[in-house]
């Protein structure tokens, strides 16, 4: 009985993993085809987040 439960859980996890991989591969070509302005804006967002983290650390210290 336990072996059946283990196999069911394993299969569910495998299906979820395959689904996530397919979603990532579907999203990657779309992001590569877009122009550079969207990429720079995302990089700017990352920089803003890093600056916010630095500022909050300074306030905590």
PDB file of N, CA and C in Angstrom:
ATOM      1  N   UNK A   1       0.834  -1.209   0.000  1.00  0.00           N
ATOM      2  CA  UNK A   1       0.000   0.000   0.000  1.00  0.00           C
ATOM      3  C   UNK A   1       0.868   1.259   0.000  1.00  0.00           C
ATOM      4  N   UNK A   2       1.937   1.256   0.813  1.00  0.00           N
ATOM      5  CA  UNK A   2       2.803   2.440   0.879  1.00  0.00           C
ATOM      6  C   UNK A   2       3.482   2.698  -0.463  1.00  0.00           C
ATOM      7  N   UNK A   3       3.877   1.621  -1.155  1.00  0.00           N
ATOM      8  CA  UNK A   3       4.554   1.782  -2.444  1.00  0.00           C
ATOM      9  C   UNK A   3       3.667   2.502  -3.450  1.00  0.00           C
ATOM     10  N   UNK A   4       2.372   2.213  -3.439  1.00  0.00           N
ATOM     11  CA  UNK A   4       1.441   2.891  -4.359  1.00  0.00           C
ATOM     12  C   UNK A   4       1.403   4.388  -4.076  1.00  0.00           C
ATOM     13  N   UNK A   5       1.344   4.752  -2.803  1.00  0.00           N
ATOM     14  CA  UNK A   5       1.287   6.168  -2.426  1.00  0.00           C
ATOM     15  C   UNK A   5       2.563   6.875  -2.874  1.00  0.00           C
ATOM     16  N   UNK A   6       3.713   6.228  -2.652  1.00  0.00           N
ATOM     17  CA  UNK A   6       5.003   6.810  -3.051  1.00  0.00           C
ATOM     18  C   UNK A   6       5.035   7.030  -4.555  1.00  0.00           C
ATOM     19  N   UNK A   7       4.566   6.048  -5.341  1.00  0.00           N
ATOM     20  CA  UNK A   7       4.565   6.180  -6.793  1.00  0.00           C
ATOM     21  C   UNK A   7       3.638   7.300  -7.252  1.00  0.00           C
ATOM     22  N   UNK A   8       2.475   7.425  -6.607  1.00  0.00           N
ATOM     23  CA  UNK A   8       1.523   8.480  -6.985  1.00  0.00           C
ATOM     24  C   UNK A   8       2.140   9.854  -6.728  1.00  0.00           C
ATOM     25  N   UNK A   9       2.765  10.027  -5.552  1.00  0.00           N
ATOM     26  CA  UNK A   9       3.409  11.304  -5.211  1.00  0.00           C
ATOM     27  C   UNK A   9       4.537  11.593  -6.190  1.00  0.00           C
ATOM     28  N   UNK A  10       5.336  10.563  -6.517  1.00  0.00           N
ATOM     29  CA  UNK A  10       6.453  10.724  -7.447  1.00  0.00           C
ATOM     30  C   UNK A  10       5.959  11.163  -8.822  1.00  0.00           C
ATOM     31  N   UNK A  11       4.886  10.531  -9.294  1.00  0.00           N
ATOM     32  CA  UNK A  11       4.335  10.885 -10.605  1.00  0.00           C
ATOM     33  C   UNK A  11       3.801  12.313 -10.614  1.00  0.00           C
ATOM     34  N   UNK A  12       3.136  12.722  -9.540  1.00  0.00           N
ATOM     35  CA  UNK A  12       2.602  14.088  -9.454  1.00  0.00           C
ATOM     36  C   UNK A  12       3.741  15.100  -9.502  1.00  0.00           C
ATOM     37  N   UNK A  13       4.811  14.839  -8.728  1.00  0.00           N
ATOM     38  CA  UNK A  13       5.964  15.741  -8.723  1.00  0.00           C
ATOM     39  C   UNK A  13       6.616  15.798 -10.098  1.00  0.00           C
ATOM     40  N   UNK A  14       6.705  14.653 -10.773  1.00  0.00           N
ATOM     41  CA  UNK A  14       7.306  14.594 -12.105  1.00  0.00           C
ATOM     42  C   UNK A  14       6.492  15.429 -13.094  1.00  0.00           C
ATOM     43  N   UNK A  15       5.160  15.314 -13.025  1.00  0.00           N
ATOM     44  CA  UNK A  15       4.280  16.073 -13.924  1.00  0.00           C
ATOM     45  C   UNK A  15       4.439  17.574 -13.675  1.00  0.00           C
ATOM     46  N   UNK A  16       4.513  17.975 -12.401  1.00  0.00           N
ATOM     47  CA  UNK A  16       4.685  19.392 -12.060  1.00  0.00           C
ATOM     48  C   UNK A  16       6.015  19.903 -12.600  1.00  0.00           C
ATOM     49  N   UNK A  17       7.083  19.099 -12.437  1.00  0.00           N
ATOM     50  CA  UNK A  17       8.413  19.488 -12.902  1.00  0.00           C
ATOM     51  C   UNK A  17       8.421  19.675 -14.415  1.00  0.00           C
ATOM     52  N   UNK A  18       7.842  18.722 -15.140  1.00  0.00           N
ATOM     53  CA  UNK A  18       7.782  18.809 -16.606  1.00  0.00           C
ATOM     54  C   UNK A  18       6.980  20.040 -17.026  1.00  0.00           C
ATOM     55  N   UNK A  19       5.889  20.314 -16.318  1.00  0.00           N
ATOM     56  CA  UNK A  19       5.075  21.487 -16.626  1.00  0.00           C
ATOM     57  C   UNK A  19       5.843  22.782 -16.443  1.00  0.00           C
ATOM     58  N   UNK A  20       6.598  22.871 -15.334  1.00  0.00           N
ATOM     59  CA  UNK A  20       7.391  24.076 -15.081  1.00  0.00           C
ATOM     60  C   UNK A  20       8.457  24.260 -16.150  1.00  0.00           C
ATOM     61  N   UNK A  21       9.123  23.157 -16.546  1.00  0.00           N
ATOM     62  CA  UNK A  21      10.176  23.246 -17.567  1.00  0.00           C
ATOM     63  C   UNK A  21       9.581  23.719 -18.890  1.00  0.00           C
ATOM     64  N   UNK A  22       8.415  23.180 -19.266  1.00  0.00           N
ATOM     65  CA  UNK A  22       7.800  23.594 -20.533  1.00  0.00           C
ATOM     66  C   UNK A  22       7.394  25.062 -20.489  1.00  0.00           C
ATOM     67  N   UNK A  23       6.882  25.521 -19.342  1.00  0.00           N
ATOM     68  CA  UNK A  23       6.494  26.933 -19.204  1.00  0.00           C
ATOM     69  C   UNK A  23       7.724  27.822 -19.368  1.00  0.00           C
ATOM     70  N   UNK A  24       8.844  27.432 -18.725  1.00  0.00           N
ATOM     71  CA  UNK A  24      10.077  28.223 -18.815  1.00  0.00           C
ATOM     72  C   UNK A  24      10.554  28.276 -20.261  1.00  0.00           C
ATOM     73  N   UNK A  25      10.534  27.130 -20.962  1.00  0.00           N
ATOM     74  CA  UNK A  25      11.003  27.104 -22.349  1.00  0.00           C
ATOM     75  C   UNK A  25      10.071  27.883 -23.269  1.00  0.00           C
ATOM     76  N   UNK A  26       8.776  27.948 -22.933  1.00  0.00           N
ATOM     77  CA  UNK A  26       7.844  28.742 -23.735  1.00  0.00           C
ATOM     78  C   UNK A  26       8.065  30.238 -23.507  1.00  0.00           C
ATOM     79  N   UNK A  27       8.442  30.617 -22.284  1.00  0.00           N
ATOM     80  CA  UNK A  27       8.627  32.034 -21.966  1.00  0.00           C
ATOM     81  C   UNK A  27       9.969  32.563 -22.466  1.00  0.00           C
ATOM     82  N   UNK A  28      11.008  31.717 -22.491  1.00  0.00           N
ATOM     83  CA  UNK A  28      12.344  32.185 -22.874  1.00  0.00           C
ATOM     84  C   UNK A  28      12.408  32.747 -24.294  1.00  0.00           C
ATOM     85  N   UNK A  29      11.893  32.054 -25.327  1.00  0.00           N
ATOM     86  CA  UNK A  29      11.976  32.618 -26.686  1.00  0.00           C
ATOM     87  C   UNK A  29      11.248  33.953 -26.801  1.00  0.00           C
ATOM     88  N   UNK A  30      10.140  34.116 -26.095  1.00  0.00           N
ATOM     89  CA  UNK A  30       9.381  35.369 -26.134  1.00  0.00           C
ATOM     90  C   UNK A  30      10.235  36.503 -25.581  1.00  0.00           C
ATOM     91  N   UNK A  31      10.931  36.259 -24.454  1.00  0.00           N
ATOM     92  CA  UNK A  31      11.752  37.305 -23.845  1.00  0.00           C
ATOM     93  C   UNK A  31      12.964  37.624 -24.719  1.00  0.00           C
ATOM     94  N   UNK A  32      13.487  36.627 -25.462  1.00  0.00           N
ATOM     95  CA  UNK A  32      14.638  36.870 -26.329  1.00  0.00           C
ATOM     96  C   UNK A  32      14.247  37.700 -27.553  1.00  0.00           C
ATOM     97  N   UNK A  33      13.024  37.560 -28.042  1.00  0.00           N
ATOM     98  CA  UNK A  33      12.588  38.279 -29.237  1.00  0.00           C
ATOM     99  C   UNK A  33      12.236  39.735 -28.947  1.00  0.00           C
ATOM    100  N   UNK A  34      11.957  40.061 -27.692  1.00  0.00           N
ATOM    101  CA  UNK A  34      11.567  41.432 -27.367  1.00  0.00           C
ATOM    102  C   UNK A  34      12.765  42.371 -27.502  1.00  0.00           C
ATOM    103  N   UNK A  35      12.468  43.661 -27.676  1.00  0.00           N
ATOM    104  CA  UNK A  35      13.537  44.640 -27.885  1.00  0.00           C
ATOM    105  C   UNK A  35      14.287  44.918 -26.580  1.00  0.00           C
ATOM    106  N   UNK A  36      15.381  45.682 -26.689  1.00  0.00           N
ATOM    107  CA  UNK A  36      16.263  45.893 -25.538  1.00  0.00           C
ATOM    108  C   UNK A  36      15.641  46.793 -24.472  1.00  0.00           C
ATOM    109  N   UNK A  37      14.668  47.609 -24.839  1.00  0.00           N
ATOM    110  CA  UNK A  37      14.093  48.546 -23.865  1.00  0.00           C
ATOM    111  C   UNK A  37      13.437  47.800 -22.703  1.00  0.00           C
ATOM    112  N   UNK A  38      12.779  46.675 -23.004  1.00  0.00           N
ATOM    113  CA  UNK A  38      12.146  45.904 -21.929  1.00  0.00           C
ATOM    114  C   UNK A  38      13.209  45.277 -21.036  1.00  0.00           C
ATOM    115  N   UNK A  39      14.312  44.830 -21.653  1.00  0.00           N
ATOM    116  CA  UNK A  39      15.383  44.221 -20.856  1.00  0.00           C
ATOM    117  C   UNK A  39      16.012  45.251 -19.925  1.00  0.00           C
ATOM    118  N   UNK A  40      16.266  46.457 -20.451  1.00  0.00           N
ATOM    119  CA  UNK A  40      16.894  47.480 -19.611  1.00  0.00           C
ATOM    120  C   UNK A  40      15.968  47.878 -18.476  1.00  0.00           C
ATOM    121  N   UNK A  41      14.658  47.926 -18.738  1.00  0.00           N
ATOM    122  CA  UNK A  41      13.726  48.292 -17.670  1.00  0.00           C
ATOM    123  C   UNK A  41      13.740  47.237 -16.568  1.00  0.00           C
ATOM    124  N   UNK A  42      13.852  45.956 -16.960  1.00  0.00           N
ATOM    125  CA  UNK A  42      13.906  44.912 -15.935  1.00  0.00           C
ATOM    126  C   UNK A  42      15.208  45.021 -15.150  1.00  0.00           C
ATOM    127  N   UNK A  43      16.312  45.362 -15.847  1.00  0.00           N
ATOM    128  CA  UNK A  43      17.582  45.549 -15.133  1.00  0.00           C
ATOM    129  C   UNK A  43      17.482  46.737 -14.176  1.00  0.00           C
ATOM    130  N   UNK A  44      16.812  47.801 -14.606  1.00  0.00           N
ATOM    131  CA  UNK A  44      16.626  48.961 -13.736  1.00  0.00           C
ATOM    132  C   UNK A  44      15.821  48.585 -12.506  1.00  0.00           C
ATOM    133  N   UNK A  45      14.812  47.741 -12.682  1.00  0.00           N
ATOM    134  CA  UNK A  45      14.020  47.288 -11.541  1.00  0.00           C
ATOM    135  C   UNK A  45      14.889  46.523 -10.554  1.00  0.00           C
ATOM    136  N   UNK A  46      15.795  45.683 -11.073  1.00  0.00           N
ATOM    137  CA  UNK A  46      16.703  44.924 -10.198  1.00  0.00           C
ATOM    138  C   UNK A  46      17.597  45.892  -9.437  1.00  0.00           C
ATOM    139  N   UNK A  47      18.118  46.920 -10.129  1.00  0.00           N
ATOM    140  CA  UNK A  47      18.968  47.920  -9.470  1.00  0.00           C
ATOM    141  C   UNK A  47      18.189  48.647  -8.383  1.00  0.00           C
ATOM    142  N   UNK A  48      16.937  49.001  -8.665  1.00  0.00           N
ATOM    143  CA  UNK A  48      16.110  49.687  -7.672  1.00  0.00           C
ATOM    144  C   UNK A  48      15.896  48.817  -6.449  1.00  0.00           C
ATOM    145  N   UNK A  49      15.656  47.525  -6.664  1.00  0.00           N
ATOM    146  CA  UNK A  49      15.449  46.601  -5.542  1.00  0.00           C
ATOM    147  C   UNK A  49      16.725  46.510  -4.713  1.00  0.00           C
ATOM    148  N   UNK A  50      17.889  46.419  -5.388  1.00  0.00           N
ATOM    149  CA  UNK A  50      19.167  46.349  -4.671  1.00  0.00           C
ATOM    150  C   UNK A  50      19.386  47.616  -3.851  1.00  0.00           C
ATOM    151  N   UNK A  51      19.056  48.764  -4.409  1.00  0.00           N
ATOM    152  CA  UNK A  51      19.213  50.028  -3.679  1.00  0.00           C
ATOM    153  C   UNK A  51      18.298  50.070  -2.465  1.00  0.00           C
ATOM    154  N   UNK A  52      17.063  49.577  -2.624  1.00  0.00           N
ATOM    155  CA  UNK A  52      16.130  49.526  -1.500  1.00  0.00           C
ATOM    156  C   UNK A  52      16.670  48.636  -0.389  1.00  0.00           C
ATOM    157  N   UNK A  53      17.264  47.498  -0.767  1.00  0.00           N
ATOM    158  CA  UNK A  53      17.834  46.584   0.232  1.00  0.00           C
ATOM    159  C   UNK A  53      18.968  47.277   0.970  1.00  0.00           C
ATOM    160  N   UNK A  54      19.836  47.987   0.230  1.00  0.00           N
ATOM    161  CA  UNK A  54      20.970  48.688   0.849  1.00  0.00           C
ATOM    162  C   UNK A  54      20.451  49.749   1.817  1.00  0.00           C
ATOM    163  N   UNK A  55      19.436  50.518   1.406  1.00  0.00           N
ATOM    164  CA  UNK A  55      18.889  51.577   2.261  1.00  0.00           C
ATOM    165  C   UNK A  55      18.261  51.004   3.524  1.00  0.00           C
ATOM    166  N   UNK A  56      17.532  49.905   3.395  1.00  0.00           N
ATOM    167  CA  UNK A  56      16.911  49.305   4.578  1.00  0.00           C
ATOM    168  C   UNK A  56      17.970  48.757   5.520  1.00  0.00           C
ATOM    169  N   UNK A  57      19.053  48.208   4.973  1.00  0.00           N
ATOM    170  CA  UNK A  57      20.146  47.716   5.823  1.00  0.00           C
ATOM    171  C   UNK A  57      20.770  48.871   6.596  1.00  0.00           C
ATOM    172  N   UNK A  58      20.965  50.016   5.913  1.00  0.00           N
ATOM    173  CA  UNK A  58      21.545  51.186   6.582  1.00  0.00           C
ATOM    174  C   UNK A  58      20.643  51.653   7.716  1.00  0.00           C
ATOM    175  N   UNK A  59      19.338  51.643   7.481  1.00  0.00           N
ATOM    176  CA  UNK A  59      18.394  52.077   8.511  1.00  0.00           C
ATOM    177  C   UNK A  59      18.398  51.122   9.691  1.00  0.00           C
ATOM    178  N   UNK A  60      18.590  49.832   9.438  1.00  0.00           N
ATOM    179  CA  UNK A  60      18.598  48.847  10.522  1.00  0.00           C
ATOM    180  C   UNK A  60      19.841  48.990  11.391  1.00  0.00           C
ATOM    181  N   UNK A  61      20.967  49.372  10.765  1.00  0.00           N
ATOM    182  CA  UNK A  61      22.242  49.458  11.515  1.00  0.00           C
ATOM    183  C   UNK A  61      22.316  50.713  12.357  1.00  0.00           C
TER     184      UNK A  61
END
